[in-house]
Amino acid sequence: MDHISITEKTRRRRVLKPKMKEHIIHPIPPFYDKESKILILGSFPSVKSREQKFFYGHPQNRFWKVLAQVFADEVPNTVPEKKAFLKKHHIALWDVIGACDIEGSSDSSITNVIVNDLSKILETAEIRGIFVNGKTAEKYYKKYTEKKTGRRAVCLPSTSPANAAWKVEKLVEKWSEEILSM
């Protein structure tokens, strides 16, 4: 039996199956209603979110855990629970990017961006505050969307597991400070 290290196996797998960028159109509609007061925008849904057909589907993403603590509520687990949570707390949810070329779930690989049109949400709901979840969402919001909406977005630290420098407690503190003060 041939024994090779996990690192070697990983290297071989990458050589044999390199990841390729794909042009992907955002598969999840915006979540909002006329009662929405807060709009939270991510950058683009992860592979797991695209599979689940709803936002922040990767179990390592801390979005739902953080938001539940911000609102002193239970962490929603299923898509129906997540939708009920958002409605209860008057939160609209979508992403800045409507289509792009992306490798897996890697925000750093995003190119050829086409942004989502937020006018539908902003014309339907009395949104008091727009928040972006992380620097990538902020970058594309500022570049393409801010001038169209005429509204500034507050950048919140990313809930992605890639943002390991921010522990859950610190995220909750910052998110609470920004969201609850509007």
C-alpha atoms as a PDB file:
ATOM      1  CA  MET A   1       0.000   0.000   0.000  1.00  0.00           C
ATOM      2  CA  ASP A   2       1.319   3.380  -0.994  1.00  0.00           C
ATOM      3  CA  HIS A   3       1.466   5.782   1.966  1.00  0.00           C
ATOM      4  CA  ILE A   4       1.515   9.467   1.128  1.00  0.00           C
ATOM      5  CA  SER A   5       0.880  12.456   3.316  1.00  0.00           C
ATOM      6  CA  ILE A   6      -2.396  14.352   3.356  1.00  0.00           C
ATOM      7  CA  THR A   7      -0.506  17.354   1.989  1.00  0.00           C
ATOM      8  CA  GLU A   8       0.744  15.286  -0.930  1.00  0.00           C
ATOM      9  CA  LYS A   9      -2.757  13.934  -1.590  1.00  0.00           C
ATOM     10  CA  THR A  10      -4.140  17.467  -1.568  1.00  0.00           C
ATOM     11  CA  ARG A  11      -1.410  18.662  -3.949  1.00  0.00           C
ATOM     12  CA  ARG A  12      -2.063  15.797  -6.352  1.00  0.00           C
ATOM     13  CA  ARG A  13      -5.810  16.408  -6.255  1.00  0.00           C
ATOM     14  CA  ARG A  14      -5.294  20.082  -7.112  1.00  0.00           C
ATOM     15  CA  VAL A  15      -2.979  19.194  -9.974  1.00  0.00           C
ATOM     16  CA  LEU A  16      -5.423  16.626 -11.335  1.00  0.00           C
ATOM     17  CA  LYS A  17      -8.588  18.667 -10.713  1.00  0.00           C
ATOM     18  CA  PRO A  18      -7.783  22.371 -10.820  1.00  0.00           C
ATOM     19  CA  LYS A  19     -10.669  24.626  -9.856  1.00  0.00           C
ATOM     20  CA  MET A  20     -12.090  26.594 -12.725  1.00  0.00           C
ATOM     21  CA  LYS A  21     -13.907  29.872 -12.690  1.00  0.00           C
ATOM     22  CA  GLU A  22     -17.533  29.640 -13.691  1.00  0.00           C
ATOM     23  CA  HIS A  23     -19.901  32.388 -14.759  1.00  0.00           C
ATOM     24  CA  ILE A  24     -22.749  32.133 -12.264  1.00  0.00           C
ATOM     25  CA  ILE A  25     -26.006  34.050 -12.157  1.00  0.00           C
ATOM     26  CA  HIS A  26     -27.260  34.649  -8.622  1.00  0.00           C
ATOM     27  CA  PRO A  27     -29.810  31.866  -7.992  1.00  0.00           C
ATOM     28  CA  ILE A  28     -31.462  33.257  -4.849  1.00  0.00           C
ATOM     29  CA  PRO A  29     -34.138  35.959  -4.994  1.00  0.00           C
ATOM     30  CA  PRO A  30     -33.951  38.835  -2.524  1.00  0.00           C
ATOM     31  CA  PHE A  31     -35.713  38.267   0.776  1.00  0.00           C
ATOM     32  CA  TYR A  32     -37.778  41.265   1.877  1.00  0.00           C
ATOM     33  CA  ASP A  33     -41.272  42.563   2.408  1.00  0.00           C
ATOM     34  CA  LYS A  34     -42.873  45.972   2.895  1.00  0.00           C
ATOM     35  CA  GLU A  35     -42.134  45.761   6.643  1.00  0.00           C
ATOM     36  CA  SER A  36     -38.352  45.415   6.157  1.00  0.00           C
ATOM     37  CA  LYS A  37     -36.340  48.172   7.863  1.00  0.00           C
ATOM     38  CA  ILE A  38     -32.795  46.799   7.661  1.00  0.00           C
ATOM     39  CA  LEU A  39     -31.085  45.654   4.452  1.00  0.00           C
ATOM     40  CA  ILE A  40     -28.057  43.391   4.813  1.00  0.00           C
ATOM     41  CA  LEU A  41     -26.067  42.694   1.678  1.00  0.00           C
ATOM     42  CA  GLY A  42     -23.451  40.019   1.215  1.00  0.00           C
ATOM     43  CA  SER A  43     -21.144  39.797  -1.777  1.00  0.00           C
ATOM     44  CA  PHE A  44     -22.261  36.609  -3.595  1.00  0.00           C
ATOM     45  CA  PRO A  45     -23.668  33.315  -2.282  1.00  0.00           C
ATOM     46  CA  SER A  46     -21.272  30.504  -1.421  1.00  0.00           C
ATOM     47  CA  VAL A  47     -21.481  27.099  -3.086  1.00  0.00           C
ATOM     48  CA  LYS A  48     -23.387  25.780  -0.022  1.00  0.00           C
ATOM     49  CA  SER A  49     -25.835  28.696  -0.125  1.00  0.00           C
ATOM     50  CA  ARG A  50     -26.392  28.156  -3.843  1.00  0.00           C
ATOM     51  CA  GLU A  51     -27.095  24.460  -3.142  1.00  0.00           C
ATOM     52  CA  GLN A  52     -29.555  25.331  -0.340  1.00  0.00           C
ATOM     53  CA  LYS A  53     -31.111  28.160  -2.361  1.00  0.00           C
ATOM     54  CA  PHE A  54     -30.872  30.515   0.615  1.00  0.00           C
ATOM     55  CA  PHE A  55     -28.361  32.876   2.186  1.00  0.00           C
ATOM     56  CA  TYR A  56     -25.518  31.908   4.492  1.00  0.00           C
ATOM     57  CA  GLY A  57     -25.962  28.176   4.107  1.00  0.00           C
ATOM     58  CA  HIS A  58     -22.426  27.139   4.988  1.00  0.00           C
ATOM     59  CA  PRO A  59     -22.434  25.754   8.543  1.00  0.00           C
ATOM     60  CA  GLN A  60     -19.123  27.502   9.326  1.00  0.00           C
ATOM     61  CA  ASN A  61     -20.456  30.941   8.437  1.00  0.00           C
ATOM     62  CA  ARG A  62     -21.373  32.760  11.635  1.00  0.00           C
ATOM     63  CA  PHE A  63     -24.065  35.018  10.134  1.00  0.00           C
ATOM     64  CA  TRP A  64     -27.105  33.371  11.753  1.00  0.00           C
ATOM     65  CA  LYS A  65     -25.372  32.888  15.101  1.00  0.00           C
ATOM     66  CA  VAL A  66     -24.291  36.549  15.203  1.00  0.00           C
ATOM     67  CA  LEU A  67     -27.646  37.919  14.094  1.00  0.00           C
ATOM     68  CA  ALA A  68     -29.492  35.765  16.635  1.00  0.00           C
ATOM     69  CA  GLN A  69     -27.309  37.171  19.417  1.00  0.00           C
ATOM     70  CA  VAL A  70     -27.749  40.742  18.154  1.00  0.00           C
ATOM     71  CA  PHE A  71     -31.531  40.329  18.473  1.00  0.00           C
ATOM     72  CA  ALA A  72     -31.428  38.081  21.592  1.00  0.00           C
ATOM     73  CA  ASP A  73     -33.232  35.323  19.724  1.00  0.00           C
ATOM     74  CA  GLU A  74     -32.796  31.627  18.949  1.00  0.00           C
ATOM     75  CA  VAL A  75     -30.436  30.669  16.114  1.00  0.00           C
ATOM     76  CA  PRO A  76     -32.549  29.631  13.125  1.00  0.00           C
ATOM     77  CA  ASN A  77     -31.451  26.387  11.452  1.00  0.00           C
ATOM     78  CA  THR A  78     -33.808  25.559   8.602  1.00  0.00           C
ATOM     79  CA  VAL A  79     -34.617  27.826   5.669  1.00  0.00           C
ATOM     80  CA  PRO A  80     -38.220  28.346   6.912  1.00  0.00           C
ATOM     81  CA  GLU A  81     -36.857  29.262  10.375  1.00  0.00           C
ATOM     82  CA  LYS A  82     -34.388  31.697   8.800  1.00  0.00           C
ATOM     83  CA  LYS A  83     -37.143  33.356   6.776  1.00  0.00           C
ATOM     84  CA  ALA A  84     -39.364  33.659   9.867  1.00  0.00           C
ATOM     85  CA  PHE A  85     -36.430  35.154  11.809  1.00  0.00           C
ATOM     86  CA  LEU A  86     -35.810  37.775   9.103  1.00  0.00           C
ATOM     87  CA  LYS A  87     -39.507  38.726   8.939  1.00  0.00           C
ATOM     88  CA  LYS A  88     -39.769  38.940  12.726  1.00  0.00           C
ATOM     89  CA  HIS A  89     -36.817  41.334  12.897  1.00  0.00           C
ATOM     90  CA  HIS A  90     -37.735  43.308   9.732  1.00  0.00           C
ATOM     91  CA  ILE A  91     -34.561  42.331   7.870  1.00  0.00           C
ATOM     92  CA  ALA A  92     -34.191  42.273   4.103  1.00  0.00           C
ATOM     93  CA  LEU A  93     -31.376  40.128   2.752  1.00  0.00           C
ATOM     94  CA  TRP A  94     -29.646  39.944  -0.605  1.00  0.00           C
ATOM     95  CA  ASP A  95     -26.241  40.262  -2.231  1.00  0.00           C
ATOM     96  CA  VAL A  96     -24.546  43.121  -4.038  1.00  0.00           C
ATOM     97  CA  ILE A  97     -23.480  40.910  -6.955  1.00  0.00           C
ATOM     98  CA  GLY A  98     -26.087  39.481  -9.339  1.00  0.00           C
ATOM     99  CA  ALA A  99     -23.707  37.552 -11.588  1.00  0.00           C
ATOM    100  CA  CYS A 100     -19.972  37.062 -11.826  1.00  0.00           C
ATOM    101  CA  ASP A 101     -17.148  34.729 -12.698  1.00  0.00           C
ATOM    102  CA  ILE A 102     -16.111  32.924  -9.510  1.00  0.00           C
ATOM    103  CA  GLU A 103     -14.038  29.951  -8.432  1.00  0.00           C
ATOM    104  CA  GLY A 104     -16.036  27.959  -5.879  1.00  0.00           C
ATOM    105  CA  SER A 105     -16.911  30.314  -3.021  1.00  0.00           C
ATOM    106  CA  SER A 106     -13.776  32.446  -3.208  1.00  0.00           C
ATOM    107  CA  ASP A 107     -14.602  36.168  -3.028  1.00  0.00           C
ATOM    108  CA  SER A 108     -11.027  36.971  -4.042  1.00  0.00           C
ATOM    109  CA  SER A 109     -11.576  35.192  -7.381  1.00  0.00           C
ATOM    110  CA  ILE A 110     -14.614  37.297  -8.385  1.00  0.00           C
ATOM    111  CA  THR A 111     -14.405  39.028 -11.776  1.00  0.00           C
ATOM    112  CA  ASN A 112     -16.823  40.265 -14.465  1.00  0.00           C
ATOM    113  CA  VAL A 113     -19.323  41.587 -11.934  1.00  0.00           C
ATOM    114  CA  ILE A 114     -22.909  42.455 -12.742  1.00  0.00           C
ATOM    115  CA  VAL A 115     -24.647  43.980  -9.728  1.00  0.00           C
ATOM    116  CA  ASN A 116     -28.145  43.377  -8.427  1.00  0.00           C
ATOM    117  CA  ASP A 117     -30.713  46.138  -8.819  1.00  0.00           C
ATOM    118  CA  LEU A 118     -31.775  47.133  -5.304  1.00  0.00           C
ATOM    119  CA  SER A 119     -34.496  49.523  -6.442  1.00  0.00           C
ATOM    120  CA  LYS A 120     -37.209  46.860  -6.003  1.00  0.00           C
ATOM    121  CA  ILE A 121     -36.386  46.520  -2.315  1.00  0.00           C
ATOM    122  CA  LEU A 122     -35.838  50.236  -1.697  1.00  0.00           C
ATOM    123  CA  GLU A 123     -39.117  51.184  -3.401  1.00  0.00           C
ATOM    124  CA  THR A 124     -41.140  48.558  -1.502  1.00  0.00           C
ATOM    125  CA  ALA A 125     -39.750  48.812   2.019  1.00  0.00           C
ATOM    126  CA  GLU A 126     -38.825  51.749   4.236  1.00  0.00           C
ATOM    127  CA  ILE A 127     -35.216  50.695   4.664  1.00  0.00           C
ATOM    128  CA  ARG A 128     -33.626  52.703   7.493  1.00  0.00           C
ATOM    129  CA  GLY A 129     -30.158  51.249   7.177  1.00  0.00           C
ATOM    130  CA  ILE A 130     -28.098  49.406   4.584  1.00  0.00           C
ATOM    131  CA  PHE A 131     -25.315  47.157   5.854  1.00  0.00           C
ATOM    132  CA  VAL A 132     -22.744  45.149   3.930  1.00  0.00           C
ATOM    133  CA  ASN A 133     -21.301  41.956   5.347  1.00  0.00           C
ATOM    134  CA  GLY A 134     -17.557  42.292   4.790  1.00  0.00           C
ATOM    135  CA  LYS A 135     -15.063  44.171   2.655  1.00  0.00           C
ATOM    136  CA  THR A 136     -15.882  42.447  -0.653  1.00  0.00           C
ATOM    137  CA  ALA A 137     -19.541  43.435  -0.417  1.00  0.00           C
ATOM    138  CA  GLU A 138     -18.440  46.951   0.561  1.00  0.00           C
ATOM    139  CA  LYS A 139     -16.028  47.182  -2.378  1.00  0.00           C
ATOM    140  CA  TYR A 140     -18.672  46.308  -4.966  1.00  0.00           C
ATOM    141  CA  TYR A 141     -21.418  48.336  -3.262  1.00  0.00           C
ATOM    142  CA  LYS A 142     -19.237  51.454  -3.310  1.00  0.00           C
ATOM    143  CA  LYS A 143     -18.028  50.825  -6.850  1.00  0.00           C
ATOM    144  CA  TYR A 144     -21.380  50.085  -8.514  1.00  0.00           C
ATOM    145  CA  THR A 145     -24.383  50.606  -6.248  1.00  0.00           C
ATOM    146  CA  GLU A 146     -23.891  53.565  -3.911  1.00  0.00           C
ATOM    147  CA  LYS A 147     -24.303  56.185  -6.655  1.00  0.00           C
ATOM    148  CA  LYS A 148     -27.433  54.442  -8.001  1.00  0.00           C
ATOM    149  CA  THR A 149     -29.139  54.282  -4.616  1.00  0.00           C
ATOM    150  CA  GLY A 150     -27.777  57.551  -3.272  1.00  0.00           C
ATOM    151  CA  ARG A 151     -27.348  55.741   0.039  1.00  0.00           C
ATOM    152  CA  ARG A 152     -24.258  54.884   2.006  1.00  0.00           C
ATOM    153  CA  ALA A 153     -23.847  51.371   3.383  1.00  0.00           C
ATOM    154  CA  VAL A 154     -22.242  50.603   6.725  1.00  0.00           C
ATOM    155  CA  CYS A 155     -19.581  47.927   6.453  1.00  0.00           C
ATOM    156  CA  LEU A 156     -19.848  45.231   9.108  1.00  0.00           C
ATOM    157  CA  PRO A 157     -17.010  42.767   9.715  1.00  0.00           C
ATOM    158  CA  SER A 158     -17.495  39.606   7.700  1.00  0.00           C
ATOM    159  CA  THR A 159     -19.125  36.607   9.342  1.00  0.00           C
ATOM    160  CA  SER A 160     -17.200  34.306   7.007  1.00  0.00           C
ATOM    161  CA  PRO A 161     -14.970  31.703   8.662  1.00  0.00           C
ATOM    162  CA  ALA A 162     -12.156  33.213   6.566  1.00  0.00           C
ATOM    163  CA  ASN A 163     -12.370  36.235   8.891  1.00  0.00           C
ATOM    164  CA  ALA A 164     -10.902  34.265  11.798  1.00  0.00           C
ATOM    165  CA  ALA A 165      -9.455  37.388  13.453  1.00  0.00           C
ATOM    166  CA  TRP A 166     -13.012  38.303  14.515  1.00  0.00           C
ATOM    167  CA  LYS A 167     -14.360  35.911  17.133  1.00  0.00           C
ATOM    168  CA  VAL A 168     -18.142  35.574  17.513  1.00  0.00           C
ATOM    169  CA  GLU A 169     -18.265  37.775  20.625  1.00  0.00           C
ATOM    170  CA  LYS A 170     -16.424  40.601  18.851  1.00  0.00           C
ATOM    171  CA  LEU A 171     -18.670  40.254  15.775  1.00  0.00           C
ATOM    172  CA  VAL A 172     -21.801  40.402  17.930  1.00  0.00           C
ATOM    173  CA  GLU A 173     -20.509  43.512  19.691  1.00  0.00           C
ATOM    174  CA  LYS A 174     -19.771  45.372  16.431  1.00  0.00           C
ATOM    175  CA  TRP A 175     -22.902  44.204  14.615  1.00  0.00           C
ATOM    176  CA  SER A 176     -25.053  45.178  17.619  1.00  0.00           C
ATOM    177  CA  GLU A 177     -23.407  48.590  17.876  1.00  0.00           C
ATOM    178  CA  GLU A 178     -24.163  49.388  14.225  1.00  0.00           C
ATOM    179  CA  ILE A 179     -27.534  47.703  13.652  1.00  0.00           C
ATOM    180  CA  LEU A 180     -29.217  48.553  16.940  1.00  0.00           C
ATOM    181  CA  SER A 181     -28.156  52.212  16.779  1.00  0.00           C
ATOM    182  CA  MET A 182     -30.010  52.987  13.561  1.00  0.00           C
END
